Amino acid sequence: MRALKIVAVALGVTLAALIIIPLIVLAGLFVWLKLTEDADEEALELDQEGALPSV
């Protein structure tokens, strides 16, 4: 009976890890995207200012 509890706990921990780890990775990617989004917009603004006017 004790071995069954150990197997159940191990299975629960494994399933939790399979759900939690990808969520942490996705959250990290989302934060990274939000942090770098402003830098991308600033680079686009600089490109537009430096562009030659069309005739």
C-alpha atoms as a PDB file:
ATOM      1  CA  MET A   1       0.000   0.000   0.000  1.00  0.00           C
ATOM      2  CA  ARG A   2       2.879   2.362   0.773  1.00  0.00           C
ATOM      3  CA  ALA A   3       4.437   1.705  -2.632  1.00  0.00           C
ATOM      4  CA  LEU A   4       1.135   2.629  -4.285  1.00  0.00           C
ATOM      5  CA  LYS A   5       1.122   5.971  -2.459  1.00  0.00           C
ATOM      6  CA  ILE A   6       4.703   6.637  -3.547  1.00  0.00           C
ATOM      7  CA  VAL A   7       3.822   5.867  -7.156  1.00  0.00           C
ATOM      8  CA  ALA A   8       0.747   8.113  -6.962  1.00  0.00           C
ATOM      9  CA  VAL A   9       2.742  10.997  -5.492  1.00  0.00           C
ATOM     10  CA  ALA A  10       5.482  10.558  -8.104  1.00  0.00           C
ATOM     11  CA  LEU A  11       2.881  10.540 -10.877  1.00  0.00           C
ATOM     12  CA  GLY A  12       1.245  13.667  -9.467  1.00  0.00           C
ATOM     13  CA  VAL A  13       4.567  15.490  -9.219  1.00  0.00           C
ATOM     14  CA  THR A  14       5.458  14.463 -12.777  1.00  0.00           C
ATOM     15  CA  LEU A  15       2.137  15.662 -14.182  1.00  0.00           C
ATOM     16  CA  ALA A  16       2.436  18.941 -12.252  1.00  0.00           C
ATOM     17  CA  ALA A  17       5.944  19.461 -13.623  1.00  0.00           C
ATOM     18  CA  LEU A  18       4.732  18.766 -17.168  1.00  0.00           C
ATOM     19  CA  ILE A  19       2.152  21.517 -16.770  1.00  0.00           C
ATOM     20  CA  ILE A  20       4.085  24.061 -14.700  1.00  0.00           C
ATOM     21  CA  ILE A  21       7.421  24.051 -16.570  1.00  0.00           C
ATOM     22  CA  PRO A  22       5.941  24.983 -19.994  1.00  0.00           C
ATOM     23  CA  LEU A  23       3.827  27.688 -18.338  1.00  0.00           C
ATOM     24  CA  ILE A  24       6.954  29.173 -16.751  1.00  0.00           C
ATOM     25  CA  VAL A  25       8.728  29.098 -20.130  1.00  0.00           C
ATOM     26  CA  LEU A  26       5.776  30.800 -21.839  1.00  0.00           C
ATOM     27  CA  ALA A  27       5.591  33.442 -19.105  1.00  0.00           C
ATOM     28  CA  GLY A  28       9.300  34.133 -19.519  1.00  0.00           C
ATOM     29  CA  LEU A  29       8.918  34.489 -23.274  1.00  0.00           C
ATOM     30  CA  PHE A  30       5.967  36.846 -22.803  1.00  0.00           C
ATOM     31  CA  VAL A  31       7.939  39.039 -20.411  1.00  0.00           C
ATOM     32  CA  TRP A  32      10.927  39.049 -22.774  1.00  0.00           C
ATOM     33  CA  LEU A  33       8.660  40.052 -25.665  1.00  0.00           C
ATOM     34  CA  LYS A  34       7.146  42.906 -23.674  1.00  0.00           C
ATOM     35  CA  LEU A  35      10.577  44.141 -22.568  1.00  0.00           C
ATOM     36  CA  THR A  36      12.009  44.093 -26.090  1.00  0.00           C
ATOM     37  CA  GLU A  37       8.880  45.492 -27.767  1.00  0.00           C
ATOM     38  CA  ASP A  38       9.715  49.080 -26.741  1.00  0.00           C
ATOM     39  CA  ALA A  39      13.251  48.770 -28.084  1.00  0.00           C
ATOM     40  CA  ASP A  40      11.902  47.581 -31.450  1.00  0.00           C
ATOM     41  CA  GLU A  41       9.532  50.548 -31.678  1.00  0.00           C
ATOM     42  CA  GLU A  42      12.355  52.973 -30.892  1.00  0.00           C
ATOM     43  CA  ALA A  43      14.473  51.429 -33.642  1.00  0.00           C
ATOM     44  CA  LEU A  44      11.617  51.836 -36.117  1.00  0.00           C
ATOM     45  CA  GLU A  45      11.197  55.484 -35.141  1.00  0.00           C
ATOM     46  CA  LEU A  46      14.891  56.107 -35.715  1.00  0.00           C
ATOM     47  CA  ASP A  47      14.691  54.427 -39.133  1.00  0.00           C
ATOM     48  CA  GLN A  48      11.776  56.635 -40.156  1.00  0.00           C
ATOM     49  CA  GLU A  49      13.576  59.791 -39.081  1.00  0.00           C
ATOM     50  CA  GLY A  50      16.691  58.850 -41.031  1.00  0.00           C
ATOM     51  CA  ALA A  51      14.850  57.856 -44.209  1.00  0.00           C
ATOM     52  CA  LEU A  52      15.329  59.975 -47.281  1.00  0.00           C
ATOM     53  CA  PRO A  53      12.229  61.884 -48.379  1.00  0.00           C
ATOM     54  CA  SER A  54      10.745  60.576 -51.594  1.00  0.00           C
ATOM     55  CA  VAL A  55      10.539  62.970 -54.501  1.00  0.00           C
END
